[in-house]
């Protein structure tokens, strides 16, 4: 059985580091906004082991006109647990949390290879593919409520 619960920013590093920042210093796992009071970090657990994470923060993008925008950052599932539904559960949990906070839109920078996962969940791309230095190619993706 797996469950999702709130975790600390530093607890996300156990998944952020091997999945999103392999070979980089642990400090590279600290993201802007991690310590804001409105930022929430959630972890999904299998048998008490953290296997996936997502960070949700209230953050406005100039690409969208909606009020009460939320951004998802650093969503990741350990490689050994990918393609088992953990990412989908984290995404649905994040959406419910954001709806509970009266969010009107979710947006994020999706890695190019993960964009199909998000499209299946109803997210759309806006703009062109772009590079995040030392990280890779991304699309901005979003979903309205």
N, C-alpha and C. Protein backbone atom coordinates (compact mmCIF):
# COMPACT_ATOMS: atom_id res chain seq x y z
N UNK A 1 0.85 -1.18 0.00
CA UNK A 1 0.00 0.00 0.00
C UNK A 1 0.89 1.24 0.00
N UNK A 2 0.44 2.27 -0.67
CA UNK A 2 1.19 3.51 -0.65
C UNK A 2 0.30 4.65 -0.20
N UNK A 3 0.92 5.66 0.37
CA UNK A 3 0.17 6.83 0.78
C UNK A 3 0.98 8.08 0.53
N UNK A 4 0.28 9.21 0.53
CA UNK A 4 0.91 10.49 0.26
C UNK A 4 0.75 11.35 1.51
N UNK A 5 1.87 11.98 1.90
CA UNK A 5 1.80 12.88 3.04
C UNK A 5 2.77 14.04 2.83
N UNK A 6 2.55 15.11 3.60
CA UNK A 6 3.42 16.27 3.51
C UNK A 6 4.78 15.92 4.11
N UNK A 7 5.83 16.40 3.44
CA UNK A 7 7.21 16.17 3.90
C UNK A 7 7.96 17.51 3.88
N UNK A 8 9.15 17.53 4.42
CA UNK A 8 9.96 18.75 4.41
C UNK A 8 10.64 18.94 3.06
N UNK A 9 11.10 20.16 2.82
CA UNK A 9 11.84 20.44 1.58
C UNK A 9 13.07 19.55 1.49
N UNK A 10 13.80 19.43 2.57
CA UNK A 10 15.04 18.63 2.53
C UNK A 10 14.75 17.14 2.33
N UNK A 11 13.60 16.68 2.75
CA UNK A 11 13.24 15.26 2.53
C UNK A 11 13.07 14.95 1.04
N UNK A 12 12.74 15.96 0.25
CA UNK A 12 12.57 15.73 -1.20
C UNK A 12 13.89 15.38 -1.87
N UNK A 13 15.01 15.76 -1.26
CA UNK A 13 16.32 15.55 -1.87
C UNK A 13 16.60 14.08 -2.14
N UNK A 14 16.03 13.20 -1.32
CA UNK A 14 16.27 11.75 -1.49
C UNK A 14 15.77 11.26 -2.85
N UNK A 15 14.81 11.99 -3.44
CA UNK A 15 14.30 11.63 -4.77
C UNK A 15 14.78 12.66 -5.81
N UNK A 16 14.78 13.93 -5.45
CA UNK A 16 15.23 14.96 -6.41
C UNK A 16 16.65 14.67 -6.89
N UNK A 17 17.53 14.30 -5.98
CA UNK A 17 18.94 14.15 -6.34
C UNK A 17 19.15 13.04 -7.38
N UNK A 18 18.73 11.79 -7.12
CA UNK A 18 19.01 10.75 -8.11
C UNK A 18 18.21 10.88 -9.41
N UNK A 19 17.02 11.49 -9.35
CA UNK A 19 16.16 11.54 -10.53
C UNK A 19 16.35 12.84 -11.31
N UNK A 20 16.38 13.98 -10.62
CA UNK A 20 16.40 15.27 -11.30
C UNK A 20 17.77 15.94 -11.37
N UNK A 21 18.67 15.57 -10.47
CA UNK A 21 19.99 16.20 -10.43
C UNK A 21 21.11 15.17 -10.27
N UNK A 22 21.07 14.07 -11.03
CA UNK A 22 22.13 13.06 -10.87
C UNK A 22 23.50 13.62 -11.20
N UNK A 23 24.47 13.29 -10.37
CA UNK A 23 25.84 13.73 -10.60
C UNK A 23 26.12 15.17 -10.23
N UNK A 24 25.11 15.88 -9.76
CA UNK A 24 25.28 17.27 -9.37
C UNK A 24 25.36 17.36 -7.85
N UNK A 25 25.86 18.46 -7.32
CA UNK A 25 25.93 18.61 -5.86
C UNK A 25 24.53 18.54 -5.23
N UNK A 26 24.46 18.01 -4.01
CA UNK A 26 23.19 17.90 -3.31
C UNK A 26 22.50 19.26 -3.20
N UNK A 27 23.29 20.32 -3.05
CA UNK A 27 22.73 21.67 -2.93
C UNK A 27 21.91 22.07 -4.16
N UNK A 28 22.17 21.44 -5.32
CA UNK A 28 21.41 21.75 -6.53
C UNK A 28 19.95 21.29 -6.42
N UNK A 29 19.64 20.52 -5.39
CA UNK A 29 18.27 20.05 -5.16
C UNK A 29 17.41 21.08 -4.44
N UNK A 30 18.03 22.15 -3.97
CA UNK A 30 17.28 23.23 -3.30
C UNK A 30 16.73 24.15 -4.38
N UNK A 31 15.41 24.30 -4.42
CA UNK A 31 14.76 25.11 -5.46
C UNK A 31 14.24 26.41 -4.87
N UNK A 32 14.19 27.45 -5.72
CA UNK A 32 13.58 28.72 -5.31
C UNK A 32 12.16 28.47 -4.83
N UNK A 33 11.82 29.06 -3.71
CA UNK A 33 10.46 28.92 -3.19
C UNK A 33 10.24 27.74 -2.28
N UNK A 34 11.24 26.87 -2.13
CA UNK A 34 11.08 25.67 -1.30
C UNK A 34 10.66 25.98 0.13
N UNK A 35 11.15 27.10 0.67
CA UNK A 35 10.93 27.39 2.09
C UNK A 35 9.80 28.39 2.34
N UNK A 36 9.07 28.79 1.31
CA UNK A 36 7.94 29.71 1.51
C UNK A 36 6.84 29.02 2.30
N UNK A 37 6.13 29.79 3.12
CA UNK A 37 5.05 29.20 3.94
C UNK A 37 3.95 28.60 3.09
N UNK A 38 3.75 29.14 1.88
CA UNK A 38 2.69 28.65 1.01
C UNK A 38 3.12 27.45 0.17
N UNK A 39 4.39 27.08 0.24
CA UNK A 39 4.89 25.94 -0.53
C UNK A 39 4.67 24.65 0.26
N UNK A 40 4.18 23.64 -0.45
CA UNK A 40 3.95 22.33 0.16
C UNK A 40 4.75 21.28 -0.61
N UNK A 41 5.34 20.37 0.13
CA UNK A 41 6.08 19.25 -0.44
C UNK A 41 5.36 17.98 -0.03
N UNK A 42 5.08 17.12 -1.01
CA UNK A 42 4.38 15.88 -0.73
C UNK A 42 5.22 14.70 -1.20
N UNK A 43 5.18 13.64 -0.43
CA UNK A 43 5.89 12.42 -0.79
C UNK A 43 4.93 11.26 -0.85
N UNK A 44 5.18 10.35 -1.77
CA UNK A 44 4.39 9.12 -1.85
C UNK A 44 5.28 7.99 -1.34
N UNK A 45 4.72 7.17 -0.49
CA UNK A 45 5.47 6.13 0.20
C UNK A 45 4.96 4.75 -0.17
N UNK A 46 5.88 3.82 -0.27
CA UNK A 46 5.55 2.41 -0.42
C UNK A 46 6.26 1.68 0.72
N UNK A 47 5.50 1.06 1.58
CA UNK A 47 6.05 0.35 2.75
C UNK A 47 7.02 1.25 3.53
N UNK A 48 6.60 2.43 3.87
CA UNK A 48 7.38 3.41 4.66
C UNK A 48 8.57 4.01 3.90
N UNK A 49 8.78 3.63 2.65
CA UNK A 49 9.90 4.17 1.87
C UNK A 49 9.41 5.25 0.92
N UNK A 50 10.08 6.40 0.94
CA UNK A 50 9.76 7.50 0.04
C UNK A 50 10.17 7.10 -1.38
N UNK A 51 9.19 7.08 -2.30
CA UNK A 51 9.49 6.66 -3.68
C UNK A 51 9.19 7.74 -4.71
N UNK A 52 8.47 8.79 -4.31
CA UNK A 52 8.16 9.87 -5.24
C UNK A 52 7.84 11.15 -4.50
N UNK A 53 8.02 12.27 -5.19
CA UNK A 53 7.81 13.58 -4.56
C UNK A 53 7.22 14.58 -5.55
N UNK A 54 6.59 15.60 -4.97
CA UNK A 54 6.11 16.73 -5.76
C UNK A 54 6.10 17.95 -4.85
N UNK A 55 6.42 19.11 -5.43
CA UNK A 55 6.35 20.37 -4.71
C UNK A 55 5.30 21.24 -5.38
N UNK A 56 4.43 21.83 -4.57
CA UNK A 56 3.35 22.68 -5.06
C UNK A 56 3.51 24.06 -4.43
N UNK A 57 3.54 25.10 -5.28
CA UNK A 57 3.65 26.44 -4.73
C UNK A 57 2.76 27.40 -5.48
N UNK A 58 2.28 28.39 -4.75
CA UNK A 58 1.50 29.44 -5.38
C UNK A 58 2.51 30.34 -6.08
N UNK A 59 2.41 30.43 -7.41
CA UNK A 59 3.40 31.16 -8.18
C UNK A 59 2.78 31.61 -9.49
N UNK A 60 2.91 32.89 -9.79
CA UNK A 60 2.30 33.45 -11.01
C UNK A 60 3.29 33.42 -12.16
N UNK A 61 2.81 32.96 -13.31
CA UNK A 61 3.56 33.04 -14.56
C UNK A 61 2.92 34.12 -15.43
N UNK A 62 3.74 34.92 -16.05
CA UNK A 62 3.23 35.96 -16.95
C UNK A 62 2.60 35.37 -18.21
N UNK A 63 2.76 34.07 -18.43
CA UNK A 63 2.14 33.43 -19.60
C UNK A 63 0.62 33.30 -19.45
N UNK A 64 0.14 33.42 -18.21
CA UNK A 64 -1.27 33.18 -17.94
C UNK A 64 -1.89 34.40 -17.23
N UNK A 65 -3.17 34.64 -17.51
CA UNK A 65 -3.85 35.79 -16.92
C UNK A 65 -4.67 35.40 -15.68
N UNK A 66 -4.85 34.11 -15.45
CA UNK A 66 -5.67 33.66 -14.33
C UNK A 66 -5.10 34.11 -12.99
N UNK A 67 -6.00 34.32 -12.06
CA UNK A 67 -5.61 34.61 -10.68
C UNK A 67 -5.37 33.29 -9.97
N UNK A 68 -4.71 33.35 -8.84
CA UNK A 68 -4.48 32.18 -7.97
C UNK A 68 -3.84 31.01 -8.73
N UNK A 69 -2.72 31.31 -9.35
CA UNK A 69 -1.97 30.30 -10.11
C UNK A 69 -1.10 29.47 -9.17
N UNK A 70 -0.97 28.20 -9.51
CA UNK A 70 -0.09 27.29 -8.77
C UNK A 70 0.88 26.63 -9.73
N UNK A 71 2.08 26.41 -9.23
CA UNK A 71 3.12 25.75 -10.01
C UNK A 71 3.48 24.43 -9.33
N UNK A 72 3.70 23.42 -10.14
CA UNK A 72 4.26 22.15 -9.66
C UNK A 72 5.74 22.18 -10.00
N UNK A 73 6.57 21.80 -9.03
CA UNK A 73 8.02 21.76 -9.27
C UNK A 73 8.58 20.45 -8.77
N UNK A 74 9.60 19.99 -9.43
CA UNK A 74 10.37 18.86 -8.92
C UNK A 74 9.59 17.58 -8.73
N UNK A 75 8.59 17.32 -9.58
CA UNK A 75 7.89 16.05 -9.46
C UNK A 75 8.81 14.95 -9.99
N UNK A 76 8.96 13.90 -9.19
CA UNK A 76 9.87 12.82 -9.58
C UNK A 76 9.52 11.54 -8.83
N UNK A 77 9.77 10.43 -9.49
CA UNK A 77 9.59 9.10 -8.91
C UNK A 77 10.90 8.35 -9.12
N UNK A 78 11.36 7.66 -8.09
CA UNK A 78 12.58 6.88 -8.22
C UNK A 78 12.48 5.95 -9.42
N UNK A 79 13.57 5.79 -10.14
CA UNK A 79 13.56 4.99 -11.36
C UNK A 79 13.00 3.58 -11.13
N UNK A 80 13.31 2.99 -10.00
CA UNK A 80 12.84 1.63 -9.69
C UNK A 80 11.33 1.56 -9.49
N UNK A 81 10.68 2.71 -9.34
CA UNK A 81 9.24 2.75 -9.10
C UNK A 81 8.46 3.46 -10.21
N UNK A 82 9.15 3.82 -11.30
CA UNK A 82 8.47 4.49 -12.40
C UNK A 82 7.59 3.50 -13.18
N UNK A 83 6.58 4.06 -13.83
CA UNK A 83 5.63 3.29 -14.65
C UNK A 83 4.80 2.32 -13.81
N UNK A 84 4.56 2.70 -12.55
CA UNK A 84 3.75 1.89 -11.64
C UNK A 84 2.58 2.69 -11.07
N UNK A 85 2.34 3.89 -11.61
CA UNK A 85 1.20 4.69 -11.17
C UNK A 85 1.49 5.70 -10.07
N UNK A 86 2.72 5.74 -9.56
CA UNK A 86 3.04 6.66 -8.48
C UNK A 86 2.97 8.12 -8.94
N UNK A 87 3.49 8.40 -10.15
CA UNK A 87 3.45 9.76 -10.68
C UNK A 87 2.03 10.24 -10.88
N UNK A 88 1.18 9.37 -11.41
CA UNK A 88 -0.22 9.73 -11.62
C UNK A 88 -0.90 10.05 -10.29
N UNK A 89 -0.63 9.26 -9.26
CA UNK A 89 -1.22 9.51 -7.94
C UNK A 89 -0.75 10.84 -7.37
N UNK A 90 0.55 11.15 -7.53
CA UNK A 90 1.06 12.43 -7.05
C UNK A 90 0.42 13.59 -7.79
N UNK A 91 0.25 13.44 -9.10
CA UNK A 91 -0.35 14.50 -9.90
C UNK A 91 -1.81 14.73 -9.50
N UNK A 92 -2.58 13.67 -9.35
CA UNK A 92 -3.98 13.80 -8.93
C UNK A 92 -4.09 14.41 -7.54
N UNK A 93 -3.21 13.99 -6.64
CA UNK A 93 -3.19 14.54 -5.28
C UNK A 93 -2.91 16.04 -5.33
N UNK A 94 -1.94 16.44 -6.15
CA UNK A 94 -1.59 17.86 -6.30
C UNK A 94 -2.77 18.66 -6.83
N UNK A 95 -3.46 18.11 -7.83
CA UNK A 95 -4.62 18.79 -8.40
C UNK A 95 -5.70 18.99 -7.34
N UNK A 96 -5.97 17.97 -6.55
CA UNK A 96 -7.00 18.09 -5.50
C UNK A 96 -6.59 19.12 -4.47
N UNK A 97 -5.32 19.11 -4.09
CA UNK A 97 -4.83 20.10 -3.13
C UNK A 97 -5.02 21.51 -3.69
N UNK A 98 -4.62 21.73 -4.94
CA UNK A 98 -4.72 23.05 -5.56
C UNK A 98 -6.18 23.49 -5.69
N UNK A 99 -7.05 22.58 -6.06
CA UNK A 99 -8.47 22.92 -6.13
C UNK A 99 -8.99 23.32 -4.76
N UNK A 100 -8.53 22.63 -3.71
CA UNK A 100 -8.92 22.97 -2.34
C UNK A 100 -8.43 24.34 -1.92
N UNK A 101 -7.37 24.83 -2.56
CA UNK A 101 -6.82 26.16 -2.30
C UNK A 101 -7.40 27.19 -3.28
N UNK A 102 -8.43 26.80 -4.01
CA UNK A 102 -9.13 27.66 -4.98
C UNK A 102 -8.23 28.09 -6.13
N UNK A 103 -7.27 27.22 -6.49
CA UNK A 103 -6.43 27.49 -7.64
C UNK A 103 -7.24 27.44 -8.92
N UNK A 104 -6.86 28.27 -9.89
CA UNK A 104 -7.58 28.32 -11.16
C UNK A 104 -6.78 27.69 -12.30
N UNK A 105 -5.47 27.54 -12.08
CA UNK A 105 -4.61 26.97 -13.11
C UNK A 105 -3.38 26.35 -12.45
N UNK A 106 -2.92 25.24 -13.01
CA UNK A 106 -1.65 24.63 -12.62
C UNK A 106 -0.74 24.78 -13.84
N UNK A 107 0.50 25.17 -13.59
CA UNK A 107 1.48 25.23 -14.68
C UNK A 107 2.82 24.71 -14.16
N UNK A 108 3.68 24.33 -15.08
CA UNK A 108 5.00 23.83 -14.71
C UNK A 108 5.86 23.71 -15.95
N UNK A 109 7.15 23.54 -15.70
CA UNK A 109 8.12 23.25 -16.76
C UNK A 109 8.30 21.73 -16.79
N UNK A 110 7.85 21.11 -17.86
CA UNK A 110 7.93 19.66 -17.99
C UNK A 110 9.12 19.27 -18.85
N UNK A 111 9.88 18.31 -18.39
CA UNK A 111 10.96 17.79 -19.22
C UNK A 111 10.36 17.23 -20.51
N UNK A 112 11.07 17.42 -21.59
CA UNK A 112 10.57 17.00 -22.91
C UNK A 112 10.12 15.54 -22.89
N UNK A 113 10.91 14.66 -22.31
CA UNK A 113 10.57 13.23 -22.32
C UNK A 113 9.38 12.90 -21.43
N UNK A 114 8.98 13.82 -20.53
CA UNK A 114 7.83 13.57 -19.65
C UNK A 114 6.55 14.23 -20.15
N UNK A 115 6.63 15.00 -21.23
CA UNK A 115 5.46 15.76 -21.68
C UNK A 115 4.29 14.86 -22.06
N UNK A 116 4.56 13.69 -22.62
CA UNK A 116 3.47 12.77 -22.97
C UNK A 116 2.69 12.29 -21.75
N UNK A 117 3.38 12.06 -20.64
CA UNK A 117 2.73 11.68 -19.38
C UNK A 117 1.72 12.75 -18.97
N UNK A 118 2.14 14.01 -19.04
CA UNK A 118 1.25 15.10 -18.63
C UNK A 118 0.11 15.31 -19.63
N UNK A 119 0.39 15.13 -20.92
CA UNK A 119 -0.68 15.27 -21.92
C UNK A 119 -1.78 14.25 -21.67
N UNK A 120 -1.41 13.01 -21.31
CA UNK A 120 -2.41 11.98 -21.01
C UNK A 120 -3.29 12.39 -19.82
N UNK A 121 -2.74 13.22 -18.94
CA UNK A 121 -3.48 13.69 -17.76
C UNK A 121 -4.24 14.99 -18.04
N UNK A 122 -4.27 15.41 -19.31
CA UNK A 122 -5.07 16.58 -19.68
C UNK A 122 -4.34 17.91 -19.71
N UNK A 123 -3.02 17.89 -19.60
CA UNK A 123 -2.24 19.13 -19.64
C UNK A 123 -1.91 19.49 -21.09
N UNK A 124 -1.77 20.80 -21.33
CA UNK A 124 -1.46 21.30 -22.67
C UNK A 124 -0.13 22.05 -22.63
N UNK A 125 0.54 22.04 -23.78
CA UNK A 125 1.79 22.80 -23.93
C UNK A 125 1.45 24.22 -24.36
N UNK A 126 2.28 25.15 -23.92
CA UNK A 126 2.19 26.53 -24.40
C UNK A 126 3.61 26.96 -24.75
N UNK A 127 3.77 27.55 -25.92
CA UNK A 127 5.09 27.99 -26.34
C UNK A 127 5.93 26.86 -26.90
N UNK A 128 7.19 27.18 -27.14
CA UNK A 128 8.13 26.25 -27.77
C UNK A 128 8.99 25.54 -26.73
N UNK A 129 9.63 24.50 -27.17
CA UNK A 129 10.61 23.79 -26.37
C UNK A 129 11.73 24.76 -26.00
N UNK A 130 12.19 24.71 -24.74
CA UNK A 130 13.28 25.59 -24.30
C UNK A 130 14.23 24.82 -23.40
N UNK A 131 15.43 25.35 -23.27
CA UNK A 131 16.48 24.70 -22.48
C UNK A 131 16.58 25.33 -21.10
N UNK A 132 16.68 24.50 -20.08
CA UNK A 132 17.09 24.94 -18.76
C UNK A 132 18.54 24.49 -18.63
N UNK A 133 19.47 25.44 -18.50
CA UNK A 133 20.89 25.08 -18.48
C UNK A 133 21.22 23.99 -17.46
N UNK A 134 22.00 23.03 -17.88
CA UNK A 134 22.45 21.91 -17.04
C UNK A 134 21.33 20.97 -16.60
N UNK A 135 20.12 21.16 -17.14
CA UNK A 135 19.00 20.30 -16.77
C UNK A 135 18.41 19.63 -18.01
N UNK A 136 18.12 20.41 -19.07
CA UNK A 136 17.60 19.82 -20.30
C UNK A 136 16.47 20.59 -20.94
N UNK A 137 15.86 19.95 -21.95
CA UNK A 137 14.79 20.56 -22.74
C UNK A 137 13.45 20.42 -22.02
N UNK A 138 12.68 21.51 -22.04
CA UNK A 138 11.40 21.56 -21.32
C UNK A 138 10.32 22.25 -22.16
N UNK A 139 9.08 21.95 -21.82
CA UNK A 139 7.91 22.69 -22.29
C UNK A 139 7.22 23.28 -21.06
N UNK A 140 6.61 24.45 -21.22
CA UNK A 140 5.68 24.92 -20.20
C UNK A 140 4.36 24.21 -20.48
N UNK A 141 3.79 23.61 -19.45
CA UNK A 141 2.51 22.90 -19.59
C UNK A 141 1.55 23.43 -18.52
N UNK A 142 0.25 23.29 -18.80
CA UNK A 142 -0.74 23.85 -17.88
C UNK A 142 -2.06 23.10 -17.98
N UNK A 143 -2.89 23.33 -16.97
CA UNK A 143 -4.26 22.82 -16.95
C UNK A 143 -5.09 23.82 -16.16
N UNK A 144 -6.25 24.19 -16.73
CA UNK A 144 -7.19 25.08 -16.05
C UNK A 144 -8.20 24.26 -15.26
N UNK A 145 -8.73 24.88 -14.22
CA UNK A 145 -9.83 24.26 -13.45
C UNK A 145 -11.11 25.02 -13.67
